[in-house]
C-alpha atoms as a PDB file:
ATOM      1  CA  UNK A   1      62.753 312.173-225.479  1.00  0.00           C
ATOM      2  CA  UNK A   2      60.196 314.650-226.549  1.00  0.00           C
ATOM      3  CA  UNK A   3      56.798 312.621-226.060  1.00  0.00           C
ATOM      4  CA  UNK A   4      53.561 314.373-225.625  1.00  0.00           C
ATOM      5  CA  UNK A   5      50.525 312.933-223.398  1.00  0.00           C
ATOM      6  CA  UNK A   6      48.814 311.615-227.215  1.00  0.00           C
ATOM      7  CA  UNK A   7      52.355 309.326-227.357  1.00  0.00           C
ATOM      8  CA  UNK A   8      50.729 307.360-224.582  1.00  0.00           C
ATOM      9  CA  UNK A   9      48.497 304.885-225.916  1.00  0.00           C
ATOM     10  CA  UNK A  10      46.204 304.505-222.810  1.00  0.00           C
ATOM     11  CA  UNK A  11      46.222 308.294-222.214  1.00  0.00           C
ATOM     12  CA  UNK A  12      45.540 308.933-225.941  1.00  0.00           C
ATOM     13  CA  UNK A  13      42.992 306.000-225.647  1.00  0.00           C
ATOM     14  CA  UNK A  14      41.067 307.351-222.709  1.00  0.00           C
ATOM     15  CA  UNK A  15      40.744 310.856-224.611  1.00  0.00           C
ATOM     16  CA  UNK A  16      39.623 309.256-227.605  1.00  0.00           C
ATOM     17  CA  UNK A  17      36.884 307.412-225.497  1.00  0.00           C
ATOM     18  CA  UNK A  18      35.866 310.493-223.564  1.00  0.00           C
ATOM     19  CA  UNK A  19      35.304 312.035-226.879  1.00  0.00           C
ATOM     20  CA  UNK A  20      33.004 309.746-228.469  1.00  0.00           C
ATOM     21  CA  UNK A  21      31.143 309.708-224.726  1.00  0.00           C
ATOM     22  CA  UNK A  22      30.399 313.293-224.993  1.00  0.00           C
ATOM     23  CA  UNK A  23      29.836 313.634-228.823  1.00  0.00           C
ATOM     24  CA  UNK A  24      26.858 310.732-228.418  1.00  0.00           C
ATOM     25  CA  UNK A  25      25.721 312.728-225.583  1.00  0.00           C
ATOM     26  CA  UNK A  26      25.647 315.530-227.119  1.00  0.00           C
ATOM     27  CA  UNK A  27      24.480 314.518-230.049  1.00  0.00           C
ATOM     28  CA  UNK A  28      21.459 312.479-228.203  1.00  0.00           C
ATOM     29  CA  UNK A  29      20.370 316.236-227.029  1.00  0.00           C
ATOM     30  CA  UNK A  30      20.475 317.613-230.136  1.00  0.00           C
ATOM     31  CA  UNK A  31      18.049 314.994-231.318  1.00  0.00           C
ATOM     32  CA  UNK A  32      16.059 315.113-227.811  1.00  0.00           C
ATOM     33  CA  UNK A  33      15.984 318.534-228.345  1.00  0.00           C
ATOM     34  CA  UNK A  34      15.189 318.902-232.158  1.00  0.00           C
ATOM     35  CA  UNK A  35      12.176 316.527-231.464  1.00  0.00           C
ATOM     36  CA  UNK A  36      10.752 317.858-228.039  1.00  0.00           C
ATOM     37  CA  UNK A  37      10.924 321.287-225.897  1.00  0.00           C
ATOM     38  CA  UNK A  38      13.541 322.340-224.193  1.00  0.00           C
ATOM     39  CA  UNK A  39      12.408 321.616-220.873  1.00  0.00           C
ATOM     40  CA  UNK A  40      13.418 317.982-221.523  1.00  0.00           C
ATOM     41  CA  UNK A  41      16.961 318.537-220.918  1.00  0.00           C
ATOM     42  CA  UNK A  42      16.074 319.719-217.406  1.00  0.00           C
ATOM     43  CA  UNK A  43      14.520 316.486-216.488  1.00  0.00           C
ATOM     44  CA  UNK A  44      17.624 314.380-217.062  1.00  0.00           C
ATOM     45  CA  UNK A  45      19.144 313.982-213.570  1.00  0.00           C
ATOM     46  CA  UNK A  46      22.828 313.532-214.980  1.00  0.00           C
ATOM     47  CA  UNK A  47      22.856 316.637-217.212  1.00  0.00           C
ATOM     48  CA  UNK A  48      25.276 319.268-216.673  1.00  0.00           C
ATOM     49  CA  UNK A  49      23.026 322.731-215.693  1.00  0.00           C
ATOM     50  CA  UNK A  50      24.998 324.356-218.655  1.00  0.00           C
ATOM     51  CA  UNK A  51      23.398 321.819-220.930  1.00  0.00           C
ATOM     52  CA  UNK A  52      19.902 322.112-219.663  1.00  0.00           C
ATOM     53  CA  UNK A  53      19.587 325.822-219.983  1.00  0.00           C
ATOM     54  CA  UNK A  54      21.390 325.906-223.530  1.00  0.00           C
ATOM     55  CA  UNK A  55      19.388 326.095-226.798  1.00  0.00           C
ATOM     56  CA  UNK A  56      19.859 323.907-229.835  1.00  0.00           C
ATOM     57  CA  UNK A  57      22.125 325.884-231.733  1.00  0.00           C
ATOM     58  CA  UNK A  58      24.794 325.894-228.912  1.00  0.00           C
ATOM     59  CA  UNK A  59      24.454 322.131-228.657  1.00  0.00           C
ATOM     60  CA  UNK A  60      25.150 321.896-232.195  1.00  0.00           C
ATOM     61  CA  UNK A  61      28.028 324.622-232.074  1.00  0.00           C
ATOM     62  CA  UNK A  62      29.983 322.386-228.532  1.00  0.00           C
ATOM     63  CA  UNK A  63      29.078 319.200-230.727  1.00  0.00           C
ATOM     64  CA  UNK A  64      31.430 320.449-233.307  1.00  0.00           C
ATOM     65  CA  UNK A  65      33.737 322.002-231.487  1.00  0.00           C
ATOM     66  CA  UNK A  66      34.064 318.078-229.530  1.00  0.00           C
ATOM     67  CA  UNK A  67      34.198 316.441-232.876  1.00  0.00           C
ATOM     68  CA  UNK A  68      36.724 318.385-234.475  1.00  0.00           C
ATOM     69  CA  UNK A  69      39.959 316.892-232.270  1.00  0.00           C
ATOM     70  CA  UNK A  70      38.102 313.454-232.219  1.00  0.00           C
ATOM     71  CA  UNK A  71      38.572 313.548-236.149  1.00  0.00           C
ATOM     72  CA  UNK A  72      42.365 314.488-235.733  1.00  0.00           C
ATOM     73  CA  UNK A  73      42.403 311.921-233.577  1.00  0.00           C
ATOM     74  CA  UNK A  74      40.854 309.152-235.424  1.00  0.00           C
ATOM     75  CA  UNK A  75      41.772 309.970-238.878  1.00  0.00           C
ATOM     76  CA  UNK A  76      44.130 307.924-241.311  1.00  0.00           C
ATOM     77  CA  UNK A  77      46.669 310.251-241.434  1.00  0.00           C
ATOM     78  CA  UNK A  78      46.712 309.894-237.518  1.00  0.00           C
ATOM     79  CA  UNK A  79      46.863 306.326-237.685  1.00  0.00           C
ATOM     80  CA  UNK A  80      49.564 305.904-240.241  1.00  0.00           C
ATOM     81  CA  UNK A  81      51.282 307.871-237.942  1.00  0.00           C
ATOM     82  CA  UNK A  82      51.118 306.277-235.204  1.00  0.00           C
ATOM     83  CA  UNK A  83      51.577 303.011-236.717  1.00  0.00           C
ATOM     84  CA  UNK A  84      55.221 304.591-237.990  1.00  0.00           C
ATOM     85  CA  UNK A  85      56.154 305.461-234.760  1.00  0.00           C
ATOM     86  CA  UNK A  86      54.962 302.334-232.364  1.00  0.00           C
ATOM     87  CA  UNK A  87      55.203 299.340-234.854  1.00  0.00           C
ATOM     88  CA  UNK A  88      58.730 298.346-236.134  1.00  0.00           C
ATOM     89  CA  UNK A  89      56.512 295.525-238.433  1.00  0.00           C
ATOM     90  CA  UNK A  90      54.603 298.438-239.866  1.00  0.00           C
ATOM     91  CA  UNK A  91      57.663 300.248-241.140  1.00  0.00           C
ATOM     92  CA  UNK A  92      59.418 296.928-242.428  1.00  0.00           C
ATOM     93  CA  UNK A  93      56.455 296.229-244.309  1.00  0.00           C
ATOM     94  CA  UNK A  94      55.655 299.860-245.580  1.00  0.00           C
ATOM     95  CA  UNK A  95      59.732 299.923-246.538  1.00  0.00           C
ATOM     96  CA  UNK A  96      58.998 296.681-248.086  1.00  0.00           C
ATOM     97  CA  UNK A  97      56.610 298.060-250.124  1.00  0.00           C
ATOM     98  CA  UNK A  98      58.049 300.935-251.711  1.00  0.00           C
ATOM     99  CA  UNK A  99      61.218 299.172-251.976  1.00  0.00           C
ATOM    100  CA  UNK A 100      58.675 296.650-254.655  1.00  0.00           C
ATOM    101  CA  UNK A 101      57.141 299.855-256.101  1.00  0.00           C
ATOM    102  CA  UNK A 102      60.538 301.221-257.019  1.00  0.00           C
ATOM    103  CA  UNK A 103      61.185 298.009-258.776  1.00  0.00           C
ATOM    104  CA  UNK A 104      58.066 297.816-260.225  1.00  0.00           C
ATOM    105  CA  UNK A 105      58.699 301.350-261.629  1.00  0.00           C
ATOM    106  CA  UNK A 106      62.123 300.672-262.874  1.00  0.00           C
ATOM    107  CA  UNK A 107      61.002 297.955-264.731  1.00  0.00           C
ATOM    108  CA  UNK A 108      57.868 300.449-266.175  1.00  0.00           C
ATOM    109  CA  UNK A 109      60.946 302.662-267.282  1.00  0.00           C
ATOM    110  CA  UNK A 110      62.358 299.598-269.010  1.00  0.00           C
ATOM    111  CA  UNK A 111      59.632 298.756-270.589  1.00  0.00           C
ATOM    112  CA  UNK A 112      58.913 302.312-271.995  1.00  0.00           C
ATOM    113  CA  UNK A 113      62.033 302.809-273.272  1.00  0.00           C
ATOM    114  CA  UNK A 114      61.645 299.554-275.075  1.00  0.00           C
ATOM    115  CA  UNK A 115      59.020 300.217-276.442  1.00  0.00           C
ATOM    116  CA  UNK A 116      60.213 303.346-277.648  1.00  0.00           C
ATOM    117  CA  UNK A 117      62.929 301.407-279.480  1.00  0.00           C
ATOM    118  CA  UNK A 118      60.451 298.544-280.861  1.00  0.00           C
ATOM    119  CA  UNK A 119      58.534 302.105-282.383  1.00  0.00           C
ATOM    120  CA  UNK A 120      61.382 303.446-284.162  1.00  0.00           C
ATOM    121  CA  UNK A 121      62.115 300.165-286.073  1.00  0.00           C
ATOM    122  CA  UNK A 122      58.657 299.746-286.971  1.00  0.00           C
ATOM    123  CA  UNK A 123      58.947 303.537-288.897  1.00  0.00           C
ATOM    124  CA  UNK A 124      62.208 302.386-290.359  1.00  0.00           C
ATOM    125  CA  UNK A 125      60.386 299.298-291.554  1.00  0.00           C
ATOM    126  CA  UNK A 126      57.509 301.293-292.574  1.00  0.00           C
ATOM    127  CA  UNK A 127      59.530 303.758-294.350  1.00  0.00           C
ATOM    128  CA  UNK A 128      61.412 301.004-296.104  1.00  0.00           C
ATOM    129  CA  UNK A 129      58.447 299.307-297.300  1.00  0.00           C
ATOM    130  CA  UNK A 130      57.170 302.722-298.579  1.00  0.00           C
ATOM    131  CA  UNK A 131      59.694 303.275-300.731  1.00  0.00           C
END
């Protein structure tokens, strides 16, 4: 079986949590830098040295870089793919929904054919009335 680390729910959730924490940290630092001077970062005890000496533009670039995988891991497409892979019930519901849509489509096609026949009949009646 060819699985990745992201197939494991616990690992994937930890990664997403870490990315959320990183983006929250970088967002807060960007806000602080935008409101205050760059020296404020050097006053934060747990702030890594790379972040302490960086400028607002670099922080915003780091934030964008951290947001890209987070957005890909948390978007609707990924959620649907994971549900398809991990949930038999979800797959069954989706299959039932698709079958219902197909039945509805068939009914609509039948209705269209019936309406075409009615139009032809109405046109014949109209021609008879005109003559």
